[in-house]
Amino acid sequence: PEWVPRARCLRVRSALPLGAMDMNTCCAYFCTGVSGFGILTLAVIGGVLMTDKAHFISEEYAGPEGLEEAKKTAYDCFAAIAIYGLFLIFCGARVMSMSRKPQDKLLDDAQ
């Protein structure tokens, strides 16, 4: 107990140059891309569900009661589009602010 080994701190040097993409930048770009893809995909699915061709997606939507369920599901898709749209706005604004001032961005692990 008198002698406690000293923990060695390892400094990991990044192989990337100083101006490389850090985790905050990467997450902002990923969030923007996923949000855009989600909006496009949900718009197509919601559009198909709003038409009378919803039975192409599932046999559950065949018949008159199925068309009612399809329209309710389409409205849920459009609500999800609104949520993805908010993420697209906020993440896109983050990407735009980072691209305007690259000298001010901080690296996660600069040392």
N, C-alpha and C. Protein backbone atom coordinates (compact mmCIF):
# COMPACT_ATOMS: atom_id res chain seq x y z
N PRO A 1 0.80 -1.20 0.00
CA PRO A 1 0.00 0.00 0.00
C PRO A 1 0.84 1.26 0.00
N GLU A 2 2.11 1.18 0.49
CA GLU A 2 2.94 2.38 0.47
C GLU A 2 3.38 2.72 -0.95
N TRP A 3 3.69 1.70 -1.68
CA TRP A 3 4.14 1.94 -3.05
C TRP A 3 3.00 1.64 -4.01
N VAL A 4 2.51 2.65 -4.68
CA VAL A 4 1.44 2.48 -5.66
C VAL A 4 2.03 2.77 -7.02
N PRO A 5 1.90 1.82 -7.93
CA PRO A 5 2.47 2.09 -9.26
C PRO A 5 1.79 3.27 -9.92
N ARG A 6 2.58 4.03 -10.58
CA ARG A 6 2.09 5.22 -11.24
C ARG A 6 1.47 4.84 -12.58
N ALA A 7 0.28 5.31 -12.80
CA ALA A 7 -0.39 5.04 -14.08
C ALA A 7 0.28 5.85 -15.17
N ARG A 8 0.53 5.19 -16.25
CA ARG A 8 1.15 5.88 -17.38
C ARG A 8 0.06 6.43 -18.29
N CYS A 9 0.20 7.66 -18.60
CA CYS A 9 -0.73 8.29 -19.53
C CYS A 9 -0.15 8.19 -20.92
N LEU A 10 -0.88 7.57 -21.77
CA LEU A 10 -0.43 7.43 -23.15
C LEU A 10 -1.01 8.55 -23.99
N ARG A 11 -0.17 9.17 -24.71
CA ARG A 11 -0.65 10.17 -25.65
C ARG A 11 -0.75 9.52 -27.01
N VAL A 12 -1.94 9.51 -27.51
CA VAL A 12 -2.16 8.93 -28.83
C VAL A 12 -2.11 10.05 -29.84
N ARG A 13 -1.19 9.92 -30.72
CA ARG A 13 -1.06 10.93 -31.76
C ARG A 13 -1.90 10.52 -32.95
N SER A 14 -2.68 11.44 -33.41
CA SER A 14 -3.56 11.16 -34.53
C SER A 14 -2.76 11.15 -35.82
N ALA A 15 -3.12 10.23 -36.69
CA ALA A 15 -2.49 10.17 -38.00
C ALA A 15 -3.10 11.19 -38.95
N LEU A 16 -4.21 11.79 -38.52
CA LEU A 16 -4.88 12.77 -39.36
C LEU A 16 -4.26 14.15 -39.18
N PRO A 17 -4.25 14.96 -40.21
CA PRO A 17 -3.73 16.32 -40.06
C PRO A 17 -4.65 17.15 -39.16
N LEU A 18 -4.15 18.27 -38.71
CA LEU A 18 -4.87 19.10 -37.76
C LEU A 18 -6.22 19.57 -38.29
N GLY A 19 -6.35 19.80 -39.56
CA GLY A 19 -7.60 20.27 -40.14
C GLY A 19 -8.57 19.16 -40.48
N ALA A 20 -8.30 17.93 -40.04
CA ALA A 20 -9.16 16.80 -40.38
C ALA A 20 -10.48 16.89 -39.63
N MET A 21 -11.42 16.07 -40.05
CA MET A 21 -12.76 16.09 -39.48
C MET A 21 -12.75 15.47 -38.09
N ASP A 22 -13.30 16.19 -37.12
CA ASP A 22 -13.41 15.66 -35.77
C ASP A 22 -14.78 15.00 -35.60
N MET A 23 -15.05 14.49 -34.42
CA MET A 23 -16.30 13.76 -34.20
C MET A 23 -17.53 14.66 -34.29
N ASN A 24 -17.45 15.89 -33.83
CA ASN A 24 -18.60 16.78 -33.92
C ASN A 24 -18.96 17.06 -35.38
N THR A 25 -17.96 17.27 -36.19
CA THR A 25 -18.19 17.52 -37.60
C THR A 25 -18.77 16.29 -38.28
N CYS A 26 -18.20 15.15 -37.96
CA CYS A 26 -18.66 13.90 -38.56
C CYS A 26 -20.11 13.63 -38.18
N CYS A 27 -20.45 13.82 -36.92
CA CYS A 27 -21.83 13.59 -36.46
C CYS A 27 -22.81 14.55 -37.12
N ALA A 28 -22.41 15.78 -37.32
CA ALA A 28 -23.29 16.75 -37.96
C ALA A 28 -23.56 16.37 -39.42
N TYR A 29 -22.53 15.97 -40.13
CA TYR A 29 -22.71 15.53 -41.51
C TYR A 29 -23.57 14.26 -41.58
N PHE A 30 -23.32 13.31 -40.68
CA PHE A 30 -24.08 12.07 -40.66
C PHE A 30 -25.55 12.35 -40.35
N CYS A 31 -25.81 13.19 -39.37
CA CYS A 31 -27.18 13.54 -38.99
C CYS A 31 -27.91 14.20 -40.16
N THR A 32 -27.23 15.08 -40.86
CA THR A 32 -27.83 15.75 -42.01
C THR A 32 -28.16 14.76 -43.11
N GLY A 33 -27.23 13.85 -43.39
CA GLY A 33 -27.46 12.86 -44.44
C GLY A 33 -28.58 11.89 -44.11
N VAL A 34 -28.60 11.39 -42.88
CA VAL A 34 -29.64 10.45 -42.47
C VAL A 34 -31.01 11.14 -42.48
N SER A 35 -31.05 12.40 -42.05
CA SER A 35 -32.31 13.13 -42.05
C SER A 35 -32.84 13.32 -43.47
N GLY A 36 -31.97 13.67 -44.39
CA GLY A 36 -32.39 13.83 -45.78
C GLY A 36 -32.89 12.53 -46.37
N PHE A 37 -32.16 11.44 -46.11
CA PHE A 37 -32.58 10.13 -46.61
C PHE A 37 -33.90 9.71 -45.98
N GLY A 38 -34.07 9.95 -44.69
CA GLY A 38 -35.32 9.60 -44.01
C GLY A 38 -36.51 10.36 -44.56
N ILE A 39 -36.31 11.63 -44.85
CA ILE A 39 -37.39 12.45 -45.41
C ILE A 39 -37.82 11.91 -46.77
N LEU A 40 -36.84 11.62 -47.63
CA LEU A 40 -37.17 11.10 -48.96
C LEU A 40 -37.88 9.75 -48.88
N THR A 41 -37.37 8.86 -48.04
CA THR A 41 -37.94 7.53 -47.93
C THR A 41 -39.36 7.58 -47.36
N LEU A 42 -39.55 8.34 -46.29
CA LEU A 42 -40.88 8.43 -45.69
C LEU A 42 -41.88 9.15 -46.62
N ALA A 43 -41.39 10.08 -47.42
CA ALA A 43 -42.29 10.76 -48.37
C ALA A 43 -42.80 9.77 -49.42
N VAL A 44 -41.91 8.91 -49.89
CA VAL A 44 -42.34 7.91 -50.88
C VAL A 44 -43.32 6.93 -50.25
N ILE A 45 -43.00 6.42 -49.07
CA ILE A 45 -43.89 5.47 -48.40
C ILE A 45 -45.23 6.12 -48.08
N GLY A 46 -45.21 7.33 -47.55
CA GLY A 46 -46.45 8.04 -47.25
C GLY A 46 -47.27 8.31 -48.49
N GLY A 47 -46.59 8.65 -49.58
CA GLY A 47 -47.30 8.89 -50.84
C GLY A 47 -47.98 7.64 -51.37
N VAL A 48 -47.31 6.50 -51.28
CA VAL A 48 -47.90 5.24 -51.73
C VAL A 48 -49.09 4.87 -50.84
N LEU A 49 -48.94 5.09 -49.54
CA LEU A 49 -50.02 4.75 -48.62
C LEU A 49 -51.25 5.64 -48.80
N MET A 50 -51.06 6.84 -49.29
CA MET A 50 -52.21 7.75 -49.51
C MET A 50 -53.01 7.35 -50.75
N THR A 51 -52.40 6.63 -51.67
CA THR A 51 -53.10 6.24 -52.89
C THR A 51 -53.88 4.94 -52.64
N ASP A 52 -54.58 4.52 -53.65
CA ASP A 52 -55.32 3.25 -53.56
C ASP A 52 -54.41 2.05 -53.84
N LYS A 53 -53.15 2.27 -54.01
CA LYS A 53 -52.20 1.19 -54.31
C LYS A 53 -51.47 0.71 -53.06
N ALA A 54 -52.01 0.96 -51.87
CA ALA A 54 -51.33 0.59 -50.63
C ALA A 54 -51.20 -0.91 -50.47
N HIS A 55 -52.01 -1.69 -51.22
CA HIS A 55 -51.91 -3.15 -51.10
C HIS A 55 -50.59 -3.68 -51.65
N PHE A 56 -49.83 -2.83 -52.38
CA PHE A 56 -48.51 -3.24 -52.82
C PHE A 56 -47.55 -3.37 -51.64
N ILE A 57 -47.78 -2.60 -50.59
CA ILE A 57 -46.91 -2.63 -49.42
C ILE A 57 -47.24 -3.81 -48.53
N SER A 58 -48.53 -4.05 -48.28
CA SER A 58 -48.93 -5.15 -47.40
C SER A 58 -50.35 -5.58 -47.74
N GLU A 59 -50.64 -6.85 -47.54
CA GLU A 59 -51.99 -7.35 -47.79
C GLU A 59 -52.98 -6.83 -46.76
N GLU A 60 -52.48 -6.36 -45.63
CA GLU A 60 -53.35 -5.81 -44.60
C GLU A 60 -54.12 -4.59 -45.09
N TYR A 61 -53.58 -3.90 -46.09
CA TYR A 61 -54.19 -2.68 -46.58
C TYR A 61 -55.17 -2.95 -47.73
N ALA A 62 -55.45 -4.21 -48.04
CA ALA A 62 -56.42 -4.53 -49.08
C ALA A 62 -57.82 -4.39 -48.50
N GLY A 63 -58.72 -3.88 -49.27
CA GLY A 63 -60.10 -3.71 -48.80
C GLY A 63 -60.34 -2.32 -48.26
N PRO A 64 -61.61 -2.00 -47.99
CA PRO A 64 -61.96 -0.63 -47.55
C PRO A 64 -61.39 -0.28 -46.18
N GLU A 65 -61.44 -1.22 -45.22
CA GLU A 65 -60.90 -0.90 -43.90
C GLU A 65 -59.37 -0.80 -43.94
N GLY A 66 -58.77 -1.51 -44.84
CA GLY A 66 -57.32 -1.42 -45.00
C GLY A 66 -56.89 -0.07 -45.55
N LEU A 67 -57.72 0.50 -46.42
CA LEU A 67 -57.39 1.82 -46.97
C LEU A 67 -57.45 2.90 -45.90
N GLU A 68 -58.39 2.75 -44.96
CA GLU A 68 -58.45 3.69 -43.83
C GLU A 68 -57.18 3.60 -42.99
N GLU A 69 -56.75 2.38 -42.71
CA GLU A 69 -55.51 2.18 -41.94
C GLU A 69 -54.31 2.71 -42.70
N ALA A 70 -54.31 2.54 -44.02
CA ALA A 70 -53.20 3.02 -44.83
C ALA A 70 -53.10 4.54 -44.75
N LYS A 71 -54.23 5.21 -44.78
CA LYS A 71 -54.22 6.68 -44.70
C LYS A 71 -53.74 7.15 -43.32
N LYS A 72 -54.13 6.44 -42.26
CA LYS A 72 -53.65 6.78 -40.92
C LYS A 72 -52.14 6.58 -40.82
N THR A 73 -51.67 5.49 -41.42
CA THR A 73 -50.23 5.23 -41.41
C THR A 73 -49.49 6.28 -42.23
N ALA A 74 -50.09 6.73 -43.33
CA ALA A 74 -49.46 7.78 -44.15
C ALA A 74 -49.32 9.07 -43.35
N TYR A 75 -50.33 9.42 -42.55
CA TYR A 75 -50.23 10.62 -41.72
C TYR A 75 -49.12 10.48 -40.67
N ASP A 76 -48.93 9.26 -40.17
CA ASP A 76 -47.82 9.02 -39.25
C ASP A 76 -46.47 9.21 -39.95
N CYS A 77 -46.40 8.78 -41.20
CA CYS A 77 -45.17 9.00 -41.98
C CYS A 77 -44.91 10.49 -42.16
N PHE A 78 -45.96 11.25 -42.41
CA PHE A 78 -45.79 12.69 -42.61
C PHE A 78 -45.41 13.39 -41.30
N ALA A 79 -45.89 12.89 -40.17
CA ALA A 79 -45.47 13.44 -38.88
C ALA A 79 -43.99 13.15 -38.63
N ALA A 80 -43.55 11.96 -39.02
CA ALA A 80 -42.13 11.62 -38.88
C ALA A 80 -41.28 12.48 -39.80
N ILE A 81 -41.81 12.83 -40.97
CA ILE A 81 -41.09 13.73 -41.88
C ILE A 81 -40.87 15.08 -41.22
N ALA A 82 -41.85 15.56 -40.48
CA ALA A 82 -41.70 16.84 -39.78
C ALA A 82 -40.58 16.76 -38.74
N ILE A 83 -40.52 15.65 -38.02
CA ILE A 83 -39.46 15.49 -37.02
C ILE A 83 -38.09 15.40 -37.68
N TYR A 84 -37.99 14.62 -38.75
CA TYR A 84 -36.73 14.54 -39.49
C TYR A 84 -36.37 15.91 -40.07
N GLY A 85 -37.38 16.68 -40.47
CA GLY A 85 -37.13 18.02 -41.00
C GLY A 85 -36.49 18.93 -39.97
N LEU A 86 -36.93 18.83 -38.71
CA LEU A 86 -36.30 19.62 -37.65
C LEU A 86 -34.84 19.23 -37.46
N PHE A 87 -34.57 17.93 -37.47
CA PHE A 87 -33.19 17.48 -37.35
C PHE A 87 -32.36 17.96 -38.54
N LEU A 88 -32.95 17.93 -39.73
CA LEU A 88 -32.23 18.40 -40.92
C LEU A 88 -31.89 19.87 -40.81
N ILE A 89 -32.82 20.67 -40.29
CA ILE A 89 -32.58 22.11 -40.13
C ILE A 89 -31.46 22.36 -39.13
N PHE A 90 -31.56 21.73 -37.95
CA PHE A 90 -30.56 21.98 -36.91
C PHE A 90 -29.18 21.42 -37.28
N CYS A 91 -29.14 20.20 -37.81
CA CYS A 91 -27.84 19.63 -38.19
C CYS A 91 -27.26 20.35 -39.41
N GLY A 92 -28.13 20.73 -40.34
CA GLY A 92 -27.65 21.48 -41.51
C GLY A 92 -27.11 22.84 -41.12
N ALA A 93 -27.76 23.48 -40.14
CA ALA A 93 -27.25 24.76 -39.65
C ALA A 93 -25.89 24.58 -38.98
N ARG A 94 -25.72 23.48 -38.28
CA ARG A 94 -24.43 23.19 -37.64
C ARG A 94 -23.34 22.98 -38.70
N VAL A 95 -23.66 22.25 -39.74
CA VAL A 95 -22.70 22.04 -40.82
C VAL A 95 -22.35 23.36 -41.49
N MET A 96 -23.36 24.19 -41.73
CA MET A 96 -23.11 25.48 -42.38
C MET A 96 -22.26 26.38 -41.49
N SER A 97 -22.51 26.38 -40.19
CA SER A 97 -21.72 27.24 -39.30
C SER A 97 -20.28 26.74 -39.21
N MET A 98 -20.08 25.43 -39.28
CA MET A 98 -18.71 24.90 -39.23
C MET A 98 -17.96 25.19 -40.53
N SER A 99 -18.68 25.19 -41.65
CA SER A 99 -18.00 25.43 -42.91
C SER A 99 -17.66 26.91 -43.10
N ARG A 100 -18.37 27.81 -42.38
CA ARG A 100 -18.06 29.23 -42.49
C ARG A 100 -16.81 29.61 -41.73
N LYS A 101 -16.61 29.03 -40.55
CA LYS A 101 -15.47 29.39 -39.70
C LYS A 101 -14.64 28.15 -39.36
N PRO A 102 -13.86 27.64 -40.29
CA PRO A 102 -13.10 26.43 -39.98
C PRO A 102 -11.99 26.67 -38.94
N GLN A 103 -11.51 27.91 -38.80
CA GLN A 103 -10.45 28.16 -37.85
C GLN A 103 -10.96 28.15 -36.41
N ASP A 104 -12.26 28.35 -36.19
CA ASP A 104 -12.80 28.38 -34.85
C ASP A 104 -13.24 27.02 -34.31
N LYS A 105 -13.26 26.00 -35.17
CA LYS A 105 -13.76 24.73 -34.70
C LYS A 105 -12.72 24.04 -33.82
N LEU A 106 -13.20 23.40 -32.81
CA LEU A 106 -12.34 22.73 -31.84
C LEU A 106 -12.31 21.24 -32.13
N LEU A 107 -11.16 20.65 -31.98
CA LEU A 107 -11.05 19.21 -32.11
C LEU A 107 -11.43 18.57 -30.79
N ASP A 108 -12.03 17.39 -30.83
CA ASP A 108 -12.42 16.70 -29.61
C ASP A 108 -11.21 16.40 -28.73
N ASP A 109 -10.19 15.82 -29.30
CA ASP A 109 -8.99 15.44 -28.56
C ASP A 109 -7.78 16.11 -29.19
N ALA A 110 -7.63 17.37 -28.91
CA ALA A 110 -6.55 18.13 -29.55
C ALA A 110 -5.19 17.78 -28.96
N GLN A 111 -5.16 17.24 -27.76
CA GLN A 111 -3.87 16.96 -27.14
C GLN A 111 -3.58 15.49 -27.10
